[in-house]
Amino acid sequence: MADTIREKIISGIATNLATITTGNGYNTDIGNHVQRSAKFGNTGNLDGVILTPGDDTPGLPVHRKDSLVMEVILIGGAAFDYLTTRPGWTESASKKQEQLIGDLRAIMGEDIAGVTGKGVQYTGGGPREMPELREGEMFAVVQLTFDIRYQTNIHDPYTQ
């Protein structure tokens, strides 16, 4: 059976997230490790982004279509060595977190398969507590939430 429209959207977001690399003009390489509803550390590399799709909230049907809003939570993280960067302050925890936020907000502004019109809304988020990994190494973490608006045919999650 074909994927649902919701699955196509989630896969489209994951595909877009995978393009977050410095080679593509972003500040971080978190796109090298995109995981769905997972925890950091499973791949052996801490830099990455976790994509967690949330609940759908139905709206009123419009023109024989179900209108839905899916919450999506993105958690981005990147390790950095604060002992070697401290003397020149070229990279601080706050700066790394702001780079992560910028990269994630920028990529969610790109077209996503299955999302029509202005279907992506940033609803909030920001820096989170940063654990120290090993002596001198910190892990910058951010969490952002987006609402994804989409439609399907009434009682048919496979077609728009």
N, C-alpha and C. Protein backbone atom coordinates (compact mmCIF):
# COMPACT_ATOMS: atom_id res chain seq x y z
N MET A 1 0.84 -1.17 0.00
CA MET A 1 0.00 0.00 0.00
C MET A 1 0.89 1.25 0.00
N ALA A 2 0.42 2.31 -0.57
CA ALA A 2 1.15 3.57 -0.66
C ALA A 2 1.29 4.21 0.72
N ASP A 3 2.22 5.15 0.82
CA ASP A 3 2.38 5.90 2.06
C ASP A 3 1.25 6.90 2.22
N THR A 4 0.90 7.20 3.47
CA THR A 4 -0.09 8.24 3.73
C THR A 4 0.52 9.60 3.40
N ILE A 5 -0.32 10.59 3.25
CA ILE A 5 0.15 11.96 3.02
C ILE A 5 1.01 12.40 4.20
N ARG A 6 0.60 12.04 5.40
CA ARG A 6 1.38 12.38 6.60
C ARG A 6 2.80 11.79 6.52
N GLU A 7 2.91 10.51 6.12
CA GLU A 7 4.22 9.87 6.00
C GLU A 7 5.05 10.54 4.92
N LYS A 8 4.42 10.92 3.82
CA LYS A 8 5.15 11.62 2.75
C LYS A 8 5.71 12.94 3.26
N ILE A 9 4.94 13.65 4.08
CA ILE A 9 5.40 14.91 4.64
C ILE A 9 6.58 14.68 5.59
N ILE A 10 6.45 13.70 6.47
CA ILE A 10 7.53 13.39 7.42
C ILE A 10 8.80 13.00 6.66
N SER A 11 8.67 12.16 5.65
CA SER A 11 9.83 11.76 4.84
C SER A 11 10.42 12.96 4.11
N GLY A 12 9.56 13.87 3.63
CA GLY A 12 10.05 15.08 2.97
C GLY A 12 10.84 15.96 3.91
N ILE A 13 10.37 16.08 5.15
CA ILE A 13 11.10 16.87 6.15
C ILE A 13 12.45 16.22 6.42
N ALA A 14 12.48 14.90 6.59
CA ALA A 14 13.74 14.19 6.84
C ALA A 14 14.71 14.38 5.68
N THR A 15 14.21 14.33 4.46
CA THR A 15 15.05 14.55 3.28
C THR A 15 15.64 15.95 3.29
N ASN A 16 14.82 16.94 3.60
CA ASN A 16 15.31 18.32 3.67
C ASN A 16 16.34 18.50 4.78
N LEU A 17 16.06 17.90 5.95
CA LEU A 17 17.00 18.02 7.07
C LEU A 17 18.38 17.47 6.71
N ALA A 18 18.41 16.43 5.90
CA ALA A 18 19.68 15.80 5.52
C ALA A 18 20.56 16.73 4.69
N THR A 19 20.01 17.83 4.20
CA THR A 19 20.82 18.78 3.41
C THR A 19 21.49 19.83 4.26
N ILE A 20 21.26 19.80 5.58
CA ILE A 20 21.91 20.79 6.46
C ILE A 20 23.37 20.40 6.66
N THR A 21 24.21 20.94 5.80
CA THR A 21 25.66 20.73 5.89
C THR A 21 26.36 22.04 5.55
N THR A 22 27.57 22.17 6.03
CA THR A 22 28.33 23.38 5.71
C THR A 22 28.60 23.45 4.21
N GLY A 23 28.70 22.32 3.55
CA GLY A 23 28.89 22.29 2.10
C GLY A 23 27.71 22.87 1.34
N ASN A 24 26.54 22.86 1.96
CA ASN A 24 25.34 23.44 1.35
C ASN A 24 25.06 24.85 1.85
N GLY A 25 26.02 25.44 2.57
CA GLY A 25 25.88 26.83 3.01
C GLY A 25 25.31 27.02 4.41
N TYR A 26 25.12 25.94 5.15
CA TYR A 26 24.61 26.06 6.52
C TYR A 26 25.78 26.20 7.49
N ASN A 27 25.47 26.51 8.74
CA ASN A 27 26.51 26.70 9.76
C ASN A 27 26.96 25.40 10.41
N THR A 28 26.17 24.34 10.28
CA THR A 28 26.47 23.08 10.95
C THR A 28 26.34 21.91 9.97
N ASP A 29 26.76 20.76 10.41
CA ASP A 29 26.64 19.53 9.61
C ASP A 29 25.66 18.55 10.25
N ILE A 30 24.63 19.06 10.92
CA ILE A 30 23.70 18.16 11.61
C ILE A 30 22.89 17.31 10.65
N GLY A 31 22.84 17.70 9.39
CA GLY A 31 22.11 16.92 8.40
C GLY A 31 22.75 15.58 8.09
N ASN A 32 24.00 15.40 8.51
CA ASN A 32 24.68 14.13 8.27
C ASN A 32 24.08 12.99 9.09
N HIS A 33 23.35 13.33 10.15
CA HIS A 33 22.75 12.32 11.02
C HIS A 33 21.33 12.74 11.38
N VAL A 34 20.38 12.31 10.57
CA VAL A 34 18.97 12.60 10.82
C VAL A 34 18.31 11.32 11.31
N GLN A 35 17.64 11.41 12.46
CA GLN A 35 16.96 10.25 13.03
C GLN A 35 15.52 10.62 13.30
N ARG A 36 14.65 9.65 13.19
CA ARG A 36 13.24 9.85 13.50
C ARG A 36 12.95 9.26 14.87
N SER A 37 12.42 10.10 15.76
CA SER A 37 12.01 9.67 17.10
C SER A 37 13.03 8.76 17.76
N ALA A 38 14.23 9.25 17.86
CA ALA A 38 15.33 8.48 18.44
C ALA A 38 16.03 9.33 19.49
N LYS A 39 17.07 8.78 20.08
CA LYS A 39 17.89 9.52 21.03
C LYS A 39 19.28 9.67 20.45
N PHE A 40 19.96 10.77 20.83
CA PHE A 40 21.32 10.96 20.37
C PHE A 40 22.21 9.84 20.89
N GLY A 41 23.24 9.55 20.15
CA GLY A 41 24.21 8.56 20.58
C GLY A 41 24.04 7.21 19.92
N ASN A 42 22.91 6.96 19.28
CA ASN A 42 22.68 5.66 18.65
C ASN A 42 23.59 5.42 17.46
N THR A 43 24.07 6.49 16.83
CA THR A 43 24.89 6.32 15.62
C THR A 43 26.38 6.40 15.93
N GLY A 44 26.74 6.72 17.15
CA GLY A 44 28.13 6.88 17.48
C GLY A 44 28.63 8.28 17.18
N ASN A 45 27.81 9.13 16.58
CA ASN A 45 28.16 10.51 16.29
C ASN A 45 27.08 11.39 16.90
N LEU A 46 27.48 12.33 17.74
CA LEU A 46 26.50 13.13 18.47
C LEU A 46 25.88 14.24 17.65
N ASP A 47 26.61 14.80 16.68
CA ASP A 47 26.04 15.87 15.88
C ASP A 47 24.90 15.32 15.04
N GLY A 48 23.75 15.95 15.13
CA GLY A 48 22.63 15.47 14.34
C GLY A 48 21.34 16.15 14.71
N VAL A 49 20.27 15.65 14.12
CA VAL A 49 18.94 16.20 14.37
C VAL A 49 17.95 15.04 14.50
N ILE A 50 17.06 15.18 15.47
CA ILE A 50 16.01 14.19 15.70
C ILE A 50 14.69 14.82 15.24
N LEU A 51 13.97 14.10 14.42
CA LEU A 51 12.67 14.51 13.91
C LEU A 51 11.60 13.69 14.61
N THR A 52 10.74 14.37 15.37
CA THR A 52 9.68 13.67 16.10
C THR A 52 8.33 14.21 15.67
N PRO A 53 7.59 13.45 14.86
CA PRO A 53 6.24 13.88 14.49
C PRO A 53 5.30 13.72 15.67
N GLY A 54 4.41 14.69 15.85
CA GLY A 54 3.46 14.64 16.96
C GLY A 54 2.05 14.34 16.48
N ASP A 55 1.10 14.73 17.30
CA ASP A 55 -0.30 14.47 17.01
C ASP A 55 -0.81 15.34 15.88
N ASP A 56 -1.86 14.85 15.22
CA ASP A 56 -2.63 15.64 14.27
C ASP A 56 -3.77 16.31 15.02
N THR A 57 -4.04 17.56 14.69
CA THR A 57 -5.20 18.26 15.20
C THR A 57 -6.10 18.55 14.00
N PRO A 58 -7.31 18.00 14.01
CA PRO A 58 -8.19 18.23 12.86
C PRO A 58 -8.85 19.60 12.93
N GLY A 59 -9.03 20.17 11.76
CA GLY A 59 -9.81 21.41 11.64
C GLY A 59 -11.12 21.09 10.95
N LEU A 60 -11.85 22.10 10.60
CA LEU A 60 -13.12 21.89 9.90
C LEU A 60 -12.84 21.47 8.46
N PRO A 61 -13.57 20.50 7.95
CA PRO A 61 -13.39 20.12 6.55
C PRO A 61 -13.68 21.31 5.62
N VAL A 62 -12.89 21.41 4.56
CA VAL A 62 -13.04 22.48 3.59
C VAL A 62 -13.07 21.87 2.19
N HIS A 63 -14.14 22.14 1.45
CA HIS A 63 -14.27 21.64 0.07
C HIS A 63 -13.98 20.15 -0.03
N ARG A 64 -14.64 19.37 0.81
CA ARG A 64 -14.52 17.91 0.81
C ARG A 64 -13.12 17.41 1.13
N LYS A 65 -12.40 18.21 1.93
CA LYS A 65 -11.05 17.85 2.35
C LYS A 65 -10.97 17.94 3.87
N ASP A 66 -10.22 17.01 4.48
CA ASP A 66 -9.90 17.12 5.90
C ASP A 66 -8.71 18.07 6.02
N SER A 67 -8.85 19.08 6.88
CA SER A 67 -7.75 20.00 7.17
C SER A 67 -7.10 19.57 8.47
N LEU A 68 -5.79 19.35 8.44
CA LEU A 68 -5.07 18.82 9.60
C LEU A 68 -3.85 19.67 9.92
N VAL A 69 -3.47 19.66 11.19
CA VAL A 69 -2.25 20.31 11.64
C VAL A 69 -1.45 19.27 12.41
N MET A 70 -0.24 18.98 11.93
CA MET A 70 0.64 18.02 12.60
C MET A 70 1.76 18.79 13.29
N GLU A 71 1.95 18.53 14.57
CA GLU A 71 3.08 19.11 15.30
C GLU A 71 4.34 18.32 14.98
N VAL A 72 5.42 19.02 14.74
CA VAL A 72 6.71 18.39 14.50
C VAL A 72 7.73 19.02 15.44
N ILE A 73 8.45 18.18 16.17
CA ILE A 73 9.50 18.66 17.07
C ILE A 73 10.85 18.27 16.49
N LEU A 74 11.75 19.24 16.41
CA LEU A 74 13.12 19.00 15.94
C LEU A 74 14.07 19.29 17.09
N ILE A 75 14.95 18.34 17.36
CA ILE A 75 16.00 18.53 18.37
C ILE A 75 17.33 18.44 17.66
N GLY A 76 18.06 19.53 17.68
CA GLY A 76 19.37 19.56 17.03
C GLY A 76 20.46 19.64 18.07
N GLY A 77 21.57 18.98 17.80
CA GLY A 77 22.68 19.01 18.74
C GLY A 77 24.01 18.91 18.04
N ALA A 78 25.00 19.59 18.62
CA ALA A 78 26.35 19.56 18.07
C ALA A 78 27.36 19.67 19.20
N ALA A 79 28.35 18.81 19.17
CA ALA A 79 29.42 18.84 20.17
C ALA A 79 30.46 19.87 19.74
N PHE A 80 31.11 20.47 20.73
CA PHE A 80 32.23 21.36 20.43
C PHE A 80 33.16 21.39 21.63
N ASP A 81 34.41 21.70 21.37
CA ASP A 81 35.46 21.72 22.38
C ASP A 81 35.59 23.14 22.92
N TYR A 82 35.03 23.38 24.10
CA TYR A 82 35.03 24.74 24.62
C TYR A 82 36.38 25.15 25.22
N LEU A 83 37.24 24.20 25.54
CA LEU A 83 38.55 24.58 26.08
C LEU A 83 39.44 25.21 25.02
N THR A 84 39.40 24.67 23.82
CA THR A 84 40.24 25.25 22.77
C THR A 84 39.63 26.50 22.16
N THR A 85 38.32 26.67 22.29
CA THR A 85 37.69 27.86 21.72
C THR A 85 37.58 28.99 22.73
N ARG A 86 37.72 28.70 24.01
CA ARG A 86 37.55 29.73 25.03
C ARG A 86 38.53 30.89 24.90
N PRO A 87 39.84 30.65 24.67
CA PRO A 87 40.76 31.79 24.64
C PRO A 87 40.39 32.85 23.61
N GLY A 88 39.97 32.47 22.42
CA GLY A 88 39.62 33.46 21.41
C GLY A 88 38.13 33.72 21.31
N TRP A 89 37.35 32.96 22.05
CA TRP A 89 35.89 33.07 22.03
C TRP A 89 35.33 33.05 20.61
N THR A 90 35.95 32.25 19.74
CA THR A 90 35.44 32.16 18.38
C THR A 90 34.18 31.31 18.32
N GLU A 91 34.02 30.40 19.25
CA GLU A 91 32.81 29.59 19.28
C GLU A 91 32.37 29.42 20.73
N SER A 92 31.20 29.92 21.04
CA SER A 92 30.67 29.76 22.38
C SER A 92 29.44 28.86 22.31
N ALA A 93 28.99 28.42 23.46
CA ALA A 93 27.80 27.57 23.51
C ALA A 93 26.61 28.31 22.91
N SER A 94 26.44 29.56 23.28
CA SER A 94 25.30 30.33 22.78
C SER A 94 25.37 30.50 21.26
N LYS A 95 26.56 30.77 20.75
CA LYS A 95 26.71 30.93 19.30
C LYS A 95 26.37 29.62 18.58
N LYS A 96 26.85 28.51 19.09
CA LYS A 96 26.57 27.22 18.46
C LYS A 96 25.07 26.93 18.49
N GLN A 97 24.40 27.24 19.60
CA GLN A 97 22.96 27.03 19.69
C GLN A 97 22.21 27.92 18.69
N GLU A 98 22.64 29.17 18.55
CA GLU A 98 21.98 30.07 17.60
C GLU A 98 22.20 29.60 16.16
N GLN A 99 23.36 29.01 15.87
CA GLN A 99 23.59 28.45 14.54
C GLN A 99 22.65 27.27 14.28
N LEU A 100 22.46 26.44 15.28
CA LEU A 100 21.53 25.30 15.15
C LEU A 100 20.10 25.79 14.91
N ILE A 101 19.67 26.78 15.69
CA ILE A 101 18.33 27.33 15.52
C ILE A 101 18.17 27.91 14.11
N GLY A 102 19.16 28.68 13.67
CA GLY A 102 19.09 29.28 12.34
C GLY A 102 19.00 28.24 11.25
N ASP A 103 19.82 27.20 11.34
CA ASP A 103 19.81 26.14 10.32
C ASP A 103 18.46 25.43 10.27
N LEU A 104 17.91 25.10 11.43
CA LEU A 104 16.63 24.37 11.47
C LEU A 104 15.46 25.24 10.99
N ARG A 105 15.46 26.50 11.40
CA ARG A 105 14.37 27.38 10.94
C ARG A 105 14.46 27.62 9.45
N ALA A 106 15.67 27.77 8.93
CA ALA A 106 15.85 28.00 7.49
C ALA A 106 15.37 26.80 6.67
N ILE A 107 15.74 25.60 7.08
CA ILE A 107 15.38 24.42 6.29
C ILE A 107 13.87 24.18 6.32
N MET A 108 13.21 24.54 7.40
CA MET A 108 11.76 24.34 7.47
C MET A 108 11.02 25.36 6.61
N GLY A 109 11.72 26.35 6.10
CA GLY A 109 11.12 27.30 5.16
C GLY A 109 11.17 26.81 3.73
N GLU A 110 11.88 25.71 3.50
CA GLU A 110 11.97 25.13 2.16
C GLU A 110 10.69 24.35 1.83
N ASP A 111 10.47 24.09 0.55
CA ASP A 111 9.30 23.31 0.14
C ASP A 111 9.38 21.89 0.70
N ILE A 112 8.26 21.39 1.16
CA ILE A 112 8.14 20.03 1.69
C ILE A 112 7.07 19.32 0.89
N ALA A 113 7.36 18.14 0.42
CA ALA A 113 6.39 17.37 -0.36
C ALA A 113 5.11 17.16 0.45
N GLY A 114 3.97 17.45 -0.15
CA GLY A 114 2.68 17.24 0.51
C GLY A 114 2.15 18.43 1.27
N VAL A 115 2.97 19.46 1.45
CA VAL A 115 2.54 20.65 2.17
C VAL A 115 2.23 21.73 1.14
N THR A 116 1.05 22.27 1.21
CA THR A 116 0.64 23.27 0.23
C THR A 116 0.62 24.66 0.84
N GLY A 117 0.96 25.65 0.02
CA GLY A 117 0.88 27.04 0.45
C GLY A 117 1.78 27.34 1.63
N LYS A 118 1.28 28.16 2.54
CA LYS A 118 2.04 28.54 3.74
C LYS A 118 1.74 27.54 4.84
N GLY A 119 2.15 26.30 4.62
CA GLY A 119 1.77 25.22 5.51
C GLY A 119 2.67 24.97 6.69
N VAL A 120 3.77 25.71 6.84
CA VAL A 120 4.70 25.47 7.95
C VAL A 120 4.74 26.72 8.82
N GLN A 121 4.48 26.54 10.11
CA GLN A 121 4.53 27.65 11.04
C GLN A 121 5.45 27.29 12.20
N TYR A 122 6.43 28.15 12.47
CA TYR A 122 7.30 27.99 13.63
C TYR A 122 6.50 28.40 14.86
N THR A 123 6.37 27.51 15.83
CA THR A 123 5.57 27.82 17.01
C THR A 123 6.39 28.05 18.27
N GLY A 124 7.70 27.83 18.20
CA GLY A 124 8.52 28.14 19.36
C GLY A 124 9.67 27.17 19.57
N GLY A 125 10.48 27.52 20.53
CA GLY A 125 11.62 26.68 20.86
C GLY A 125 12.82 27.53 21.21
N GLY A 126 13.94 26.86 21.39
CA GLY A 126 15.17 27.58 21.70
C GLY A 126 16.20 26.66 22.33
N PRO A 127 17.20 27.27 22.97
CA PRO A 127 18.28 26.49 23.57
C PRO A 127 17.78 25.60 24.71
N ARG A 128 18.46 24.49 24.90
CA ARG A 128 18.16 23.57 25.99
C ARG A 128 19.44 23.35 26.79
N GLU A 129 19.30 22.68 27.92
CA GLU A 129 20.46 22.42 28.78
C GLU A 129 21.53 21.67 28.00
N MET A 130 22.77 22.06 28.24
CA MET A 130 23.89 21.46 27.53
C MET A 130 24.71 20.58 28.46
N PRO A 131 24.71 19.30 28.22
CA PRO A 131 25.53 18.41 29.06
C PRO A 131 27.01 18.50 28.68
N GLU A 132 27.87 18.30 29.67
CA GLU A 132 29.29 18.17 29.37
C GLU A 132 29.54 16.71 29.05
N LEU A 133 30.16 16.46 27.92
CA LEU A 133 30.37 15.09 27.46
C LEU A 133 31.60 14.49 28.11
N ARG A 134 32.72 15.12 27.86
CA ARG A 134 34.00 14.73 28.45
C ARG A 134 34.71 16.01 28.86
N GLU A 135 35.81 15.91 29.51
CA GLU A 135 36.56 17.09 29.93
C GLU A 135 36.78 18.02 28.73
N GLY A 136 36.23 19.22 28.83
CA GLY A 136 36.45 20.22 27.80
C GLY A 136 35.51 20.15 26.61
N GLU A 137 34.62 19.16 26.58
CA GLU A 137 33.74 19.02 25.43
C GLU A 137 32.29 19.21 25.87
N MET A 138 31.60 20.12 25.20
CA MET A 138 30.20 20.40 25.51
C MET A 138 29.32 19.98 24.34
N PHE A 139 28.04 19.89 24.61
CA PHE A 139 27.08 19.50 23.60
C PHE A 139 25.99 20.57 23.55
N ALA A 140 25.96 21.35 22.49
CA ALA A 140 24.95 22.39 22.33
C ALA A 140 23.67 21.75 21.82
N VAL A 141 22.54 22.05 22.47
CA VAL A 141 21.26 21.42 22.13
C VAL A 141 20.19 22.51 21.97
N VAL A 142 19.34 22.33 20.94
CA VAL A 142 18.17 23.19 20.76
C VAL A 142 16.96 22.32 20.46
N GLN A 143 15.79 22.83 20.78
CA GLN A 143 14.54 22.14 20.44
C GLN A 143 13.60 23.16 19.85
N LEU A 144 13.06 22.86 18.66
CA LEU A 144 12.13 23.74 17.98
C LEU A 144 10.86 22.97 17.62
N THR A 145 9.73 23.67 17.63
CA THR A 145 8.45 23.06 17.31
C THR A 145 7.81 23.81 16.14
N PHE A 146 7.26 23.02 15.23
CA PHE A 146 6.58 23.58 14.05
C PHE A 146 5.22 22.94 13.92
N ASP A 147 4.26 23.69 13.37
CA ASP A 147 2.97 23.15 12.98
C ASP A 147 2.96 23.01 11.46
N ILE A 148 2.60 21.85 10.98
CA ILE A 148 2.54 21.57 9.56
C ILE A 148 1.06 21.43 9.18
N ARG A 149 0.60 22.32 8.31
CA ARG A 149 -0.80 22.28 7.86
C ARG A 149 -0.87 21.54 6.53
N TYR A 150 -1.83 20.60 6.45
CA TYR A 150 -2.00 19.86 5.20
C TYR A 150 -3.43 19.37 5.10
N GLN A 151 -3.78 18.88 3.94
CA GLN A 151 -5.14 18.38 3.70
C GLN A 151 -5.08 16.99 3.08
N THR A 152 -6.12 16.23 3.34
CA THR A 152 -6.33 14.94 2.66
C THR A 152 -7.79 14.90 2.24
N ASN A 153 -8.11 14.01 1.34
CA ASN A 153 -9.51 13.79 1.02
C ASN A 153 -10.21 13.27 2.28
N ILE A 154 -11.47 13.61 2.44
CA ILE A 154 -12.21 13.17 3.62
C ILE A 154 -12.17 11.64 3.73
N HIS A 155 -11.79 11.15 4.88
CA HIS A 155 -11.70 9.71 5.20
C HIS A 155 -10.71 8.96 4.31
N ASP A 156 -9.76 9.68 3.72
CA ASP A 156 -8.77 9.04 2.84
C ASP A 156 -7.40 9.67 3.10
N PRO A 157 -6.62 9.10 4.02
CA PRO A 157 -5.32 9.69 4.37
C PRO A 157 -4.25 9.49 3.29
N TYR A 158 -4.59 8.84 2.19
CA TYR A 158 -3.61 8.54 1.15
C TYR A 158 -3.63 9.51 -0.02
N THR A 159 -4.67 10.33 -0.13
CA THR A 159 -4.75 11.24 -1.27
C THR A 159 -5.12 12.65 -0.83
N GLN A 160 -4.66 13.60 -1.62
CA GLN A 160 -4.98 15.00 -1.38
C GLN A 160 -5.97 15.43 -2.43
